[in-house]
Amino acid sequence: MLRLFIPGCILTCITLPLYGQQLPGTRYKDLVFTAVTVNKNIMYQPNPPAGVKEKYYLFDLYQPGNDTSTSRPLILWIHGGGFKFGNKSSRGTPLWCRRFAERGYVCAAVNYRLSKKNTLSDFNALVNACSDAIEDINEAVSFFEKNHALYKIDTSRIILAGNSAGGMMALQSVYSNTSLMKQTNQPAVSPAPPAFNPGHIAAVVNFWGGMFDTSWLKNASVPIVSVHGSKDRIVPADKPGKGIYGSFIIHRRADTLHIPNRLKVYEGYAHELQKHFNPLWTNKATKVRWQGAGQFAADFLYEALFK
């Protein structure tokens, strides 16, 4: 395997064809590129904190093959897994990265620190894990802002996207901050001066994620596109589940605040748009639904950011 070194990152293996043609259609909305290049295991944090493994600061970069544009929107795709499991290759993340690269986006599938505590049953551990992960996502955004010329990125169109825990991180990275997160666990803590959306994120893609507090939506006005299964029991869509407010509630609150947003509901489907949620196995029908969710998000992003 060829390993190349460039400032601030490690570049490992280009795995797909470099050359492809562009098909008829609308860039950023339709699948117009026939090839995608994938550069794996690049570091967005070259100096990890002591005791933290480097693997948590890696990303895979997906780009449309043979693309001549020098200023492309970037989507950071954030994997799910309850802040305890998963990585940049988990579940639908590679699929969405490839499909959006075929639409003309640059996509980065990012790792982040995972918790050693039981986030699935301990709400305080869940909030703390989300807060730590948001710090990492902010580092990733900063990395791409600093290296925008190298990756040919339009820094005015950086999008956060994720499924499950990744959707939670995308939402709260924009509409909350670590100070508010700490207040959730320790109400007596005095908040720091508000600083929201430090990376100037242009839009959020929330696949079956949620928020700890929908009143935080007043802190910004960044477009949100959400997809959720009506029978999701991990992150219930229409009622607070274990302190998490799902996409239905976010959608209604965003409407009252006049935040551009759209929601697609998959009736009768559970978490990850599966008929019965199974974190270890996915069938072809579920992947088809994931692609449908991606197209729904692409249509919204095109209208919100490019028309």
C-alpha atoms as a PDB file:
ATOM      1  CA  MET A   1       0.000   0.000   0.000  1.00  0.00           C
ATOM      2  CA  LEU A   2       1.364   3.372  -1.035  1.00  0.00           C
ATOM      3  CA  ARG A   3       1.574   5.906   1.791  1.00  0.00           C
ATOM      4  CA  LEU A   4       2.001   9.600   1.011  1.00  0.00           C
ATOM      5  CA  PHE A   5       2.645  12.309   3.537  1.00  0.00           C
ATOM      6  CA  ILE A   6       1.244  15.832   3.183  1.00  0.00           C
ATOM      7  CA  PRO A   7       1.072  18.632   5.776  1.00  0.00           C
ATOM      8  CA  GLY A   8      -1.269  17.826   8.656  1.00  0.00           C
ATOM      9  CA  CYS A   9      -2.508  14.466   7.364  1.00  0.00           C
ATOM     10  CA  ILE A  10      -1.699  10.916   6.323  1.00  0.00           C
ATOM     11  CA  LEU A  11      -3.022   9.879   2.911  1.00  0.00           C
ATOM     12  CA  THR A  12      -3.488   6.192   2.292  1.00  0.00           C
ATOM     13  CA  CYS A  13      -4.635   4.484  -0.907  1.00  0.00           C
ATOM     14  CA  ILE A  14      -6.786   5.760  -3.718  1.00  0.00           C
ATOM     15  CA  THR A  15      -9.233   2.926  -4.135  1.00  0.00           C
ATOM     16  CA  LEU A  16     -11.563   3.854  -6.989  1.00  0.00           C
ATOM     17  CA  PRO A  17     -10.955   4.965 -10.598  1.00  0.00           C
ATOM     18  CA  LEU A  18      -9.526   8.428 -11.035  1.00  0.00           C
ATOM     19  CA  TYR A  19     -11.263   8.977 -14.336  1.00  0.00           C
ATOM     20  CA  GLY A  20     -14.945   9.149 -15.107  1.00  0.00           C
ATOM     21  CA  GLN A  21     -17.402  11.086 -17.145  1.00  0.00           C
ATOM     22  CA  GLN A  22     -20.075  13.533 -16.114  1.00  0.00           C
ATOM     23  CA  LEU A  23     -23.645  12.520 -16.875  1.00  0.00           C
ATOM     24  CA  PRO A  24     -26.556  14.813 -17.783  1.00  0.00           C
ATOM     25  CA  GLY A  25     -28.350  16.182 -14.754  1.00  0.00           C
ATOM     26  CA  THR A  26     -28.150  18.828 -12.079  1.00  0.00           C
ATOM     27  CA  ARG A  27     -24.989  18.912 -10.011  1.00  0.00           C
ATOM     28  CA  TYR A  28     -25.557  18.544  -6.239  1.00  0.00           C
ATOM     29  CA  LYS A  29     -29.007  17.084  -6.866  1.00  0.00           C
ATOM     30  CA  ASP A  30     -28.557  14.241  -9.364  1.00  0.00           C
ATOM     31  CA  LEU A  31     -25.951  11.470  -9.701  1.00  0.00           C
ATOM     32  CA  VAL A  32     -23.840  13.133 -12.392  1.00  0.00           C
ATOM     33  CA  PHE A  33     -20.372  11.624 -11.821  1.00  0.00           C
ATOM     34  CA  THR A  34     -19.615   8.030 -12.789  1.00  0.00           C
ATOM     35  CA  ALA A  35     -16.463   7.633 -10.702  1.00  0.00           C
ATOM     36  CA  VAL A  36     -15.476   8.447  -7.131  1.00  0.00           C
ATOM     37  CA  THR A  37     -11.995   8.634  -5.625  1.00  0.00           C
ATOM     38  CA  VAL A  38     -11.546   7.537  -2.017  1.00  0.00           C
ATOM     39  CA  ASN A  39      -8.544   8.579   0.063  1.00  0.00           C
ATOM     40  CA  LYS A  40      -8.451   6.702   3.356  1.00  0.00           C
ATOM     41  CA  ASN A  41      -7.126   7.273   6.857  1.00  0.00           C
ATOM     42  CA  ILE A  42      -6.244  10.965   6.779  1.00  0.00           C
ATOM     43  CA  MET A  43      -5.754  12.680  10.136  1.00  0.00           C
ATOM     44  CA  TYR A  44      -7.677  15.839  10.934  1.00  0.00           C
ATOM     45  CA  GLN A  45      -6.049  16.204  14.371  1.00  0.00           C
ATOM     46  CA  PRO A  46      -2.284  15.652  13.958  1.00  0.00           C
ATOM     47  CA  ASN A  47      -1.616  16.136  17.699  1.00  0.00           C
ATOM     48  CA  PRO A  48      -4.120  13.950  19.596  1.00  0.00           C
ATOM     49  CA  PRO A  49      -4.504  14.544  23.333  1.00  0.00           C
ATOM     50  CA  ALA A  50      -2.412  12.329  25.581  1.00  0.00           C
ATOM     51  CA  GLY A  51      -3.934   8.912  26.011  1.00  0.00           C
ATOM     52  CA  VAL A  52      -6.334   9.201  23.048  1.00  0.00           C
ATOM     53  CA  LYS A  53      -5.793   6.831  20.135  1.00  0.00           C
ATOM     54  CA  GLU A  54      -5.032   8.336  16.743  1.00  0.00           C
ATOM     55  CA  LYS A  55      -7.757   6.248  15.083  1.00  0.00           C
ATOM     56  CA  TYR A  56     -10.396   8.551  16.570  1.00  0.00           C
ATOM     57  CA  TYR A  57      -9.072  11.429  14.458  1.00  0.00           C
ATOM     58  CA  LEU A  58      -9.089   9.774  11.044  1.00  0.00           C
ATOM     59  CA  PHE A  59     -11.355  10.428   8.086  1.00  0.00           C
ATOM     60  CA  ASP A  60     -11.913   8.984   4.615  1.00  0.00           C
ATOM     61  CA  LEU A  61     -12.300  11.483   1.791  1.00  0.00           C
ATOM     62  CA  TYR A  62     -14.683  10.860  -1.117  1.00  0.00           C
ATOM     63  CA  GLN A  63     -14.446  13.089  -4.207  1.00  0.00           C
ATOM     64  CA  PRO A  64     -16.108  13.034  -7.640  1.00  0.00           C
ATOM     65  CA  GLY A  65     -13.670  11.566 -10.142  1.00  0.00           C
ATOM     66  CA  ASN A  66     -12.244  13.808 -12.853  1.00  0.00           C
ATOM     67  CA  ASP A  67     -13.915  16.865 -11.304  1.00  0.00           C
ATOM     68  CA  THR A  68     -12.606  20.201 -12.574  1.00  0.00           C
ATOM     69  CA  SER A  69     -14.371  22.385 -10.012  1.00  0.00           C
ATOM     70  CA  THR A  70     -12.049  24.193  -7.615  1.00  0.00           C
ATOM     71  CA  SER A  71     -14.703  25.132  -5.030  1.00  0.00           C
ATOM     72  CA  ARG A  72     -16.989  22.293  -3.910  1.00  0.00           C
ATOM     73  CA  PRO A  73     -19.370  21.987  -0.955  1.00  0.00           C
ATOM     74  CA  LEU A  74     -18.205  19.630   1.788  1.00  0.00           C
ATOM     75  CA  ILE A  75     -20.323  17.201   3.781  1.00  0.00           C
ATOM     76  CA  LEU A  76     -18.901  15.763   6.993  1.00  0.00           C
ATOM     77  CA  TRP A  77     -20.676  12.421   7.476  1.00  0.00           C
ATOM     78  CA  ILE A  78     -20.804  11.359  11.130  1.00  0.00           C
ATOM     79  CA  HIS A  79     -21.499   7.717  11.945  1.00  0.00           C
ATOM     80  CA  GLY A  80     -23.926   6.433  14.574  1.00  0.00           C
ATOM     81  CA  GLY A  81     -23.464   3.816  17.269  1.00  0.00           C
ATOM     82  CA  GLY A  82     -24.686   5.330  20.521  1.00  0.00           C
ATOM     83  CA  PHE A  83     -21.323   7.068  21.080  1.00  0.00           C
ATOM     84  CA  LYS A  84     -19.886   3.643  21.996  1.00  0.00           C
ATOM     85  CA  PHE A  85     -19.653   1.766  18.708  1.00  0.00           C
ATOM     86  CA  GLY A  86     -19.020   2.289  15.022  1.00  0.00           C
ATOM     87  CA  ASN A  87     -16.536   4.107  12.821  1.00  0.00           C
ATOM     88  CA  LYS A  88     -16.283   5.923   9.501  1.00  0.00           C
ATOM     89  CA  SER A  89     -17.035   2.700   7.608  1.00  0.00           C
ATOM     90  CA  SER A  90     -20.153   1.779   9.572  1.00  0.00           C
ATOM     91  CA  ARG A  91     -23.680   1.216   8.299  1.00  0.00           C
ATOM     92  CA  GLY A  92     -24.783   3.711   5.619  1.00  0.00           C
ATOM     93  CA  THR A  93     -21.866   6.127   5.913  1.00  0.00           C
ATOM     94  CA  PRO A  94     -19.826   4.839   2.925  1.00  0.00           C
ATOM     95  CA  LEU A  95     -22.980   4.579   0.817  1.00  0.00           C
ATOM     96  CA  TRP A  96     -24.026   8.185   1.471  1.00  0.00           C
ATOM     97  CA  CYS A  97     -20.475   9.436   0.956  1.00  0.00           C
ATOM     98  CA  ARG A  98     -20.229   7.736  -2.443  1.00  0.00           C
ATOM     99  CA  ARG A  99     -23.660   8.844  -3.596  1.00  0.00           C
ATOM    100  CA  PHE A 100     -23.122  12.460  -2.600  1.00  0.00           C
ATOM    101  CA  ALA A 101     -19.674  12.464  -4.225  1.00  0.00           C
ATOM    102  CA  GLU A 102     -21.436  11.247  -7.381  1.00  0.00           C
ATOM    103  CA  ARG A 103     -23.610  14.362  -7.059  1.00  0.00           C
ATOM    104  CA  GLY A 104     -20.504  16.581  -6.961  1.00  0.00           C
ATOM    105  CA  TYR A 105     -19.930  17.011  -3.232  1.00  0.00           C
ATOM    106  CA  VAL A 106     -16.700  16.387  -1.367  1.00  0.00           C
ATOM    107  CA  CYS A 107     -17.542  14.038   1.507  1.00  0.00           C
ATOM    108  CA  ALA A 108     -15.508  13.225   4.597  1.00  0.00           C
ATOM    109  CA  ALA A 109     -16.493  10.222   6.712  1.00  0.00           C
ATOM    110  CA  VAL A 110     -15.076  11.077  10.124  1.00  0.00           C
ATOM    111  CA  ASN A 111     -14.198   9.174  13.272  1.00  0.00           C
ATOM    112  CA  TYR A 112     -14.537  10.732  16.721  1.00  0.00           C
ATOM    113  CA  ARG A 113     -13.874   9.724  20.322  1.00  0.00           C
ATOM    114  CA  LEU A 114     -16.127   6.974  21.644  1.00  0.00           C
ATOM    115  CA  SER A 115     -17.162   6.692  25.276  1.00  0.00           C
ATOM    116  CA  LYS A 116     -16.006   3.942  27.614  1.00  0.00           C
ATOM    117  CA  LYS A 117     -19.121   4.395  29.726  1.00  0.00           C
ATOM    118  CA  ASN A 118     -22.589   2.958  29.236  1.00  0.00           C
ATOM    119  CA  THR A 119     -24.131   5.740  27.194  1.00  0.00           C
ATOM    120  CA  LEU A 120     -27.120   3.576  26.293  1.00  0.00           C
ATOM    121  CA  SER A 121     -28.438   3.530  29.869  1.00  0.00           C
ATOM    122  CA  ASP A 122     -26.682   6.477  31.563  1.00  0.00           C
ATOM    123  CA  PHE A 123     -28.037   9.843  30.387  1.00  0.00           C
ATOM    124  CA  ASN A 124     -25.176  11.835  31.930  1.00  0.00           C
ATOM    125  CA  ALA A 125     -22.655   9.632  30.140  1.00  0.00           C
ATOM    126  CA  LEU A 126     -24.592  10.129  26.896  1.00  0.00           C
ATOM    127  CA  VAL A 127     -24.492  13.927  27.186  1.00  0.00           C
ATOM    128  CA  ASN A 128     -20.796  13.928  28.091  1.00  0.00           C
ATOM    129  CA  ALA A 129     -19.967  11.625  25.188  1.00  0.00           C
ATOM    130  CA  CYS A 130     -21.882  13.845  22.768  1.00  0.00           C
ATOM    131  CA  SER A 131     -20.080  16.913  24.108  1.00  0.00           C
ATOM    132  CA  ASP A 132     -16.657  15.292  23.609  1.00  0.00           C
ATOM    133  CA  ALA A 133     -17.608  14.159  20.122  1.00  0.00           C
ATOM    134  CA  ILE A 134     -18.776  17.665  19.188  1.00  0.00           C
ATOM    135  CA  GLU A 135     -15.327  18.983  20.145  1.00  0.00           C
ATOM    136  CA  ASP A 136     -13.845  16.507  17.670  1.00  0.00           C
ATOM    137  CA  ILE A 137     -16.250  17.494  14.901  1.00  0.00           C
ATOM    138  CA  ASN A 138     -15.347  21.147  15.463  1.00  0.00           C
ATOM    139  CA  GLU A 139     -11.686  20.138  15.067  1.00  0.00           C
ATOM    140  CA  ALA A 140     -12.531  18.400  11.786  1.00  0.00           C
ATOM    141  CA  VAL A 141     -14.373  21.458  10.484  1.00  0.00           C
ATOM    142  CA  SER A 142     -11.431  23.666  11.436  1.00  0.00           C
ATOM    143  CA  PHE A 143      -9.059  21.292   9.614  1.00  0.00           C
ATOM    144  CA  PHE A 144     -11.023  21.598   6.386  1.00  0.00           C
ATOM    145  CA  GLU A 145     -11.314  25.365   6.703  1.00  0.00           C
ATOM    146  CA  LYS A 146      -7.530  25.589   7.010  1.00  0.00           C
ATOM    147  CA  ASN A 147      -6.966  23.171   4.126  1.00  0.00           C
ATOM    148  CA  HIS A 148      -9.780  24.320   1.845  1.00  0.00           C
ATOM    149  CA  ALA A 149      -7.438  25.079  -1.056  1.00  0.00           C
ATOM    150  CA  LEU A 150      -5.875  21.612  -0.897  1.00  0.00           C
ATOM    151  CA  TYR A 151      -9.254  19.860  -1.001  1.00  0.00           C
ATOM    152  CA  LYS A 152     -10.953  22.468  -3.246  1.00  0.00           C
ATOM    153  CA  ILE A 153     -13.691  23.237  -0.719  1.00  0.00           C
ATOM    154  CA  ASP A 154     -16.137  26.120  -0.586  1.00  0.00           C
ATOM    155  CA  THR A 155     -16.011  26.985   3.123  1.00  0.00           C
ATOM    156  CA  SER A 156     -19.334  28.840   2.888  1.00  0.00           C
ATOM    157  CA  ARG A 157     -21.036  25.510   2.147  1.00  0.00           C
ATOM    158  CA  ILE A 158     -19.889  23.050   4.804  1.00  0.00           C
ATOM    159  CA  ILE A 159     -22.649  20.651   5.846  1.00  0.00           C
ATOM    160  CA  LEU A 160     -22.853  18.335   8.853  1.00  0.00           C
ATOM    161  CA  ALA A 161     -24.692  15.048   8.303  1.00  0.00           C
ATOM    162  CA  GLY A 162     -25.147  11.926  10.360  1.00  0.00           C
ATOM    163  CA  ASN A 163     -27.337   9.012  11.330  1.00  0.00           C
ATOM    164  CA  SER A 164     -28.527   8.280  14.881  1.00  0.00           C
ATOM    165  CA  ALA A 165     -25.776   9.549  17.225  1.00  0.00           C
ATOM    166  CA  GLY A 166     -24.226  11.238  14.185  1.00  0.00           C
ATOM    167  CA  GLY A 167     -27.457  13.140  13.554  1.00  0.00           C
ATOM    168  CA  MET A 168     -27.498  14.204  17.203  1.00  0.00           C
ATOM    169  CA  MET A 169     -23.971  15.525  16.870  1.00  0.00           C
ATOM    170  CA  ALA A 170     -24.744  17.388  13.654  1.00  0.00           C
ATOM    171  CA  LEU A 171     -27.713  19.143  15.244  1.00  0.00           C
ATOM    172  CA  GLN A 172     -26.058  20.022  18.520  1.00  0.00           C
ATOM    173  CA  SER A 173     -22.782  21.098  16.914  1.00  0.00           C
ATOM    174  CA  VAL A 174     -24.756  23.918  15.294  1.00  0.00           C
ATOM    175  CA  TYR A 175     -27.519  24.702  17.790  1.00  0.00           C
ATOM    176  CA  SER A 176     -25.737  24.028  21.089  1.00  0.00           C
ATOM    177  CA  ASN A 177     -22.254  24.116  22.598  1.00  0.00           C
ATOM    178  CA  THR A 178     -20.306  22.314  25.322  1.00  0.00           C
ATOM    179  CA  SER A 179     -21.388  24.888  27.911  1.00  0.00           C
ATOM    180  CA  LEU A 180     -25.075  24.167  27.326  1.00  0.00           C
ATOM    181  CA  MET A 181     -24.366  20.448  27.261  1.00  0.00           C
ATOM    182  CA  LYS A 182     -22.760  20.657  30.706  1.00  0.00           C
ATOM    183  CA  GLN A 183     -25.773  22.568  31.993  1.00  0.00           C
ATOM    184  CA  THR A 184     -27.949  19.638  30.921  1.00  0.00           C
ATOM    185  CA  ASN A 185     -26.030  17.449  33.364  1.00  0.00           C
ATOM    186  CA  GLN A 186     -25.309  20.110  35.988  1.00  0.00           C
ATOM    187  CA  PRO A 187     -28.010  22.820  36.019  1.00  0.00           C
ATOM    188  CA  ALA A 188     -26.071  24.817  38.630  1.00  0.00           C
ATOM    189  CA  VAL A 189     -23.191  25.398  36.210  1.00  0.00           C
ATOM    190  CA  SER A 190     -23.116  28.987  34.959  1.00  0.00           C
ATOM    191  CA  PRO A 191     -23.144  29.179  31.183  1.00  0.00           C
ATOM    192  CA  ALA A 192     -20.216  30.599  29.291  1.00  0.00           C
ATOM    193  CA  PRO A 193     -20.862  33.457  26.845  1.00  0.00           C
ATOM    194  CA  PRO A 194     -22.882  31.986  23.977  1.00  0.00           C
ATOM    195  CA  ALA A 195     -20.946  30.911  20.904  1.00  0.00           C
ATOM    196  CA  PHE A 196     -22.979  28.875  18.474  1.00  0.00           C
ATOM    197  CA  ASN A 197     -22.085  27.354  15.115  1.00  0.00           C
ATOM    198  CA  PRO A 198     -18.373  28.250  15.283  1.00  0.00           C
ATOM    199  CA  GLY A 199     -17.724  26.523  11.949  1.00  0.00           C
ATOM    200  CA  HIS A 200     -20.438  28.542  10.164  1.00  0.00           C
ATOM    201  CA  ILE A 201     -22.138  25.326   9.079  1.00  0.00           C
ATOM    202  CA  ALA A 202     -24.512  25.911   6.160  1.00  0.00           C
ATOM    203  CA  ALA A 203     -26.957  23.036   6.727  1.00  0.00           C
ATOM    204  CA  VAL A 204     -27.638  19.938   8.830  1.00  0.00           C
ATOM    205  CA  VAL A 205     -28.698  16.472   7.658  1.00  0.00           C
ATOM    206  CA  ASN A 206     -30.311  14.547  10.512  1.00  0.00           C
ATOM    207  CA  PHE A 207     -31.057  10.872   9.859  1.00  0.00           C
ATOM    208  CA  TRP A 208     -33.052   9.476  12.832  1.00  0.00           C
ATOM    209  CA  GLY A 209     -31.200  11.558  15.415  1.00  0.00           C
ATOM    210  CA  GLY A 210     -32.458  14.051  17.992  1.00  0.00           C
ATOM    211  CA  MET A 211     -31.719  16.869  20.427  1.00  0.00           C
ATOM    212  CA  PHE A 212     -31.434  17.078  24.191  1.00  0.00           C
ATOM    213  CA  ASP A 213     -33.334  20.381  24.257  1.00  0.00           C
ATOM    214  CA  THR A 214     -35.353  21.800  21.350  1.00  0.00           C
ATOM    215  CA  SER A 215     -35.290  25.283  22.914  1.00  0.00           C
ATOM    216  CA  TRP A 216     -31.710  25.373  21.599  1.00  0.00           C
ATOM    217  CA  LEU A 217     -33.139  25.802  18.106  1.00  0.00           C
ATOM    218  CA  LYS A 218     -33.499  29.512  18.868  1.00  0.00           C
ATOM    219  CA  ASN A 219     -29.690  29.792  18.930  1.00  0.00           C
ATOM    220  CA  ALA A 220     -29.257  29.705  15.141  1.00  0.00           C
ATOM    221  CA  SER A 221     -31.200  29.494  11.883  1.00  0.00           C
ATOM    222  CA  VAL A 222     -29.407  26.820   9.903  1.00  0.00           C
ATOM    223  CA  PRO A 223     -31.473  24.680   7.476  1.00  0.00           C
ATOM    224  CA  ILE A 224     -32.291  21.158   8.726  1.00  0.00           C
ATOM    225  CA  VAL A 225     -33.410  18.136   6.735  1.00  0.00           C
ATOM    226  CA  SER A 226     -34.538  15.107   8.751  1.00  0.00           C
ATOM    227  CA  VAL A 227     -35.554  11.518   7.998  1.00  0.00           C
ATOM    228  CA  HIS A 228     -37.090   9.245  10.616  1.00  0.00           C
ATOM    229  CA  GLY A 229     -38.962   5.973  10.970  1.00  0.00           C
ATOM    230  CA  SER A 230     -42.396   6.284  12.590  1.00  0.00           C
ATOM    231  CA  LYS A 231     -41.791   3.226  14.809  1.00  0.00           C
ATOM    232  CA  ASP A 232     -38.288   4.135  15.970  1.00  0.00           C
ATOM    233  CA  ARG A 233     -37.883   3.071  19.614  1.00  0.00           C
ATOM    234  CA  ILE A 234     -34.196   3.940  19.945  1.00  0.00           C
ATOM    235  CA  VAL A 235     -34.776   7.620  19.184  1.00  0.00           C
ATOM    236  CA  PRO A 236     -38.576   8.024  19.198  1.00  0.00           C
ATOM    237  CA  ALA A 237     -39.615  10.456  16.494  1.00  0.00           C
ATOM    238  CA  ASP A 238     -42.590  12.124  18.186  1.00  0.00           C
ATOM    239  CA  LYS A 239     -41.992  12.006  21.927  1.00  0.00           C
ATOM    240  CA  PRO A 240     -39.063  12.538  24.288  1.00  0.00           C
ATOM    241  CA  GLY A 241     -37.257   9.233  24.561  1.00  0.00           C
ATOM    242  CA  LYS A 242     -34.715   9.025  27.401  1.00  0.00           C
ATOM    243  CA  GLY A 243     -34.239  12.789  27.271  1.00  0.00           C
ATOM    244  CA  ILE A 244     -33.873  12.949  23.476  1.00  0.00           C
ATOM    245  CA  TYR A 245     -36.347  14.828  21.297  1.00  0.00           C
ATOM    246  CA  GLY A 246     -36.825  13.258  17.871  1.00  0.00           C
ATOM    247  CA  SER A 247     -37.287  14.619  14.377  1.00  0.00           C
ATOM    248  CA  PHE A 248     -41.065  15.232  14.551  1.00  0.00           C
ATOM    249  CA  ILE A 249     -40.637  17.520  17.566  1.00  0.00           C
ATOM    250  CA  ILE A 250     -37.627  19.264  15.999  1.00  0.00           C
ATOM    251  CA  HIS A 251     -39.603  19.813  12.789  1.00  0.00           C
ATOM    252  CA  ARG A 252     -42.542  21.439  14.579  1.00  0.00           C
ATOM    253  CA  ARG A 253     -40.308  23.642  16.719  1.00  0.00           C
ATOM    254  CA  ALA A 254     -38.233  24.679  13.691  1.00  0.00           C
ATOM    255  CA  ASP A 255     -41.415  25.646  11.870  1.00  0.00           C
ATOM    256  CA  THR A 256     -42.455  27.963  14.707  1.00  0.00           C
ATOM    257  CA  LEU A 257     -39.021  29.610  14.554  1.00  0.00           C
ATOM    258  CA  HIS A 258     -39.149  29.886  10.745  1.00  0.00           C
ATOM    259  CA  ILE A 259     -36.018  27.751  10.341  1.00  0.00           C
ATOM    260  CA  PRO A 260     -35.904  26.235   6.832  1.00  0.00           C
ATOM    261  CA  ASN A 261     -36.485  22.532   7.350  1.00  0.00           C
ATOM    262  CA  ARG A 262     -38.049  19.439   5.892  1.00  0.00           C
ATOM    263  CA  LEU A 263     -38.998  16.037   7.316  1.00  0.00           C
ATOM    264  CA  LYS A 264     -39.539  12.696   5.591  1.00  0.00           C
ATOM    265  CA  VAL A 265     -41.294   9.972   7.591  1.00  0.00           C
ATOM    266  CA  TYR A 266     -40.972   6.279   6.787  1.00  0.00           C
ATOM    267  CA  GLU A 267     -44.225   4.861   8.110  1.00  0.00           C
ATOM    268  CA  GLY A 268     -43.931   1.512   9.848  1.00  0.00           C
ATOM    269  CA  TYR A 269     -40.134   1.472  10.023  1.00  0.00           C
ATOM    270  CA  ALA A 270     -37.886   1.480  13.066  1.00  0.00           C
ATOM    271  CA  HIS A 271     -34.402   2.830  13.789  1.00  0.00           C
ATOM    272  CA  GLU A 272     -32.038   2.977  10.796  1.00  0.00           C
ATOM    273  CA  LEU A 273     -35.170   2.579   8.633  1.00  0.00           C
ATOM    274  CA  GLN A 274     -35.204  -1.145   9.326  1.00  0.00           C
ATOM    275  CA  LYS A 275     -38.432  -3.074   9.767  1.00  0.00           C
ATOM    276  CA  HIS A 276     -36.985  -4.373  13.031  1.00  0.00           C
ATOM    277  CA  PHE A 277     -33.810  -2.642  14.201  1.00  0.00           C
ATOM    278  CA  ASN A 278     -30.729  -4.868  14.047  1.00  0.00           C
ATOM    279  CA  PRO A 279     -27.365  -3.132  14.582  1.00  0.00           C
ATOM    280  CA  LEU A 280     -25.428  -6.100  13.167  1.00  0.00           C
ATOM    281  CA  TRP A 281     -27.207  -6.805   9.896  1.00  0.00           C
ATOM    282  CA  THR A 282     -28.721  -4.823   7.040  1.00  0.00           C
ATOM    283  CA  ASN A 283     -30.667  -6.144   4.048  1.00  0.00           C
ATOM    284  CA  LYS A 284     -30.913  -4.750   0.514  1.00  0.00           C
ATOM    285  CA  ALA A 285     -34.335  -3.218   1.099  1.00  0.00           C
ATOM    286  CA  THR A 286     -32.968  -1.116   3.967  1.00  0.00           C
ATOM    287  CA  LYS A 287     -30.113   0.116   1.782  1.00  0.00           C
ATOM    288  CA  VAL A 288     -32.656   1.156  -0.836  1.00  0.00           C
ATOM    289  CA  ARG A 289     -34.425   3.202   1.851  1.00  0.00           C
ATOM    290  CA  TRP A 290     -31.085   4.733   2.863  1.00  0.00           C
ATOM    291  CA  GLN A 291     -30.559   5.821  -0.745  1.00  0.00           C
ATOM    292  CA  GLY A 292     -34.068   7.287  -0.790  1.00  0.00           C
ATOM    293  CA  ALA A 293     -33.256   9.226   2.376  1.00  0.00           C
ATOM    294  CA  GLY A 294     -30.108  10.491   0.671  1.00  0.00           C
ATOM    295  CA  GLN A 295     -32.020  11.716  -2.364  1.00  0.00           C
ATOM    296  CA  PHE A 296     -34.552  13.457  -0.129  1.00  0.00           C
ATOM    297  CA  ALA A 297     -31.680  15.237   1.658  1.00  0.00           C
ATOM    298  CA  ALA A 298     -29.982  16.108  -1.637  1.00  0.00           C
ATOM    299  CA  ASP A 299     -33.167  17.696  -2.993  1.00  0.00           C
ATOM    300  CA  PHE A 300     -33.532  19.811   0.146  1.00  0.00           C
ATOM    301  CA  LEU A 301     -29.866  20.886   0.180  1.00  0.00           C
ATOM    302  CA  TYR A 302     -30.042  21.856  -3.465  1.00  0.00           C
ATOM    303  CA  GLU A 303     -33.045  24.105  -2.852  1.00  0.00           C
ATOM    304  CA  ALA A 304     -31.623  25.555   0.386  1.00  0.00           C
ATOM    305  CA  LEU A 305     -28.052  26.206  -0.762  1.00  0.00           C
ATOM    306  CA  PHE A 306     -27.859  26.358  -4.543  1.00  0.00           C
ATOM    307  CA  LYS A 307     -31.067  27.772  -6.030  1.00  0.00           C
END
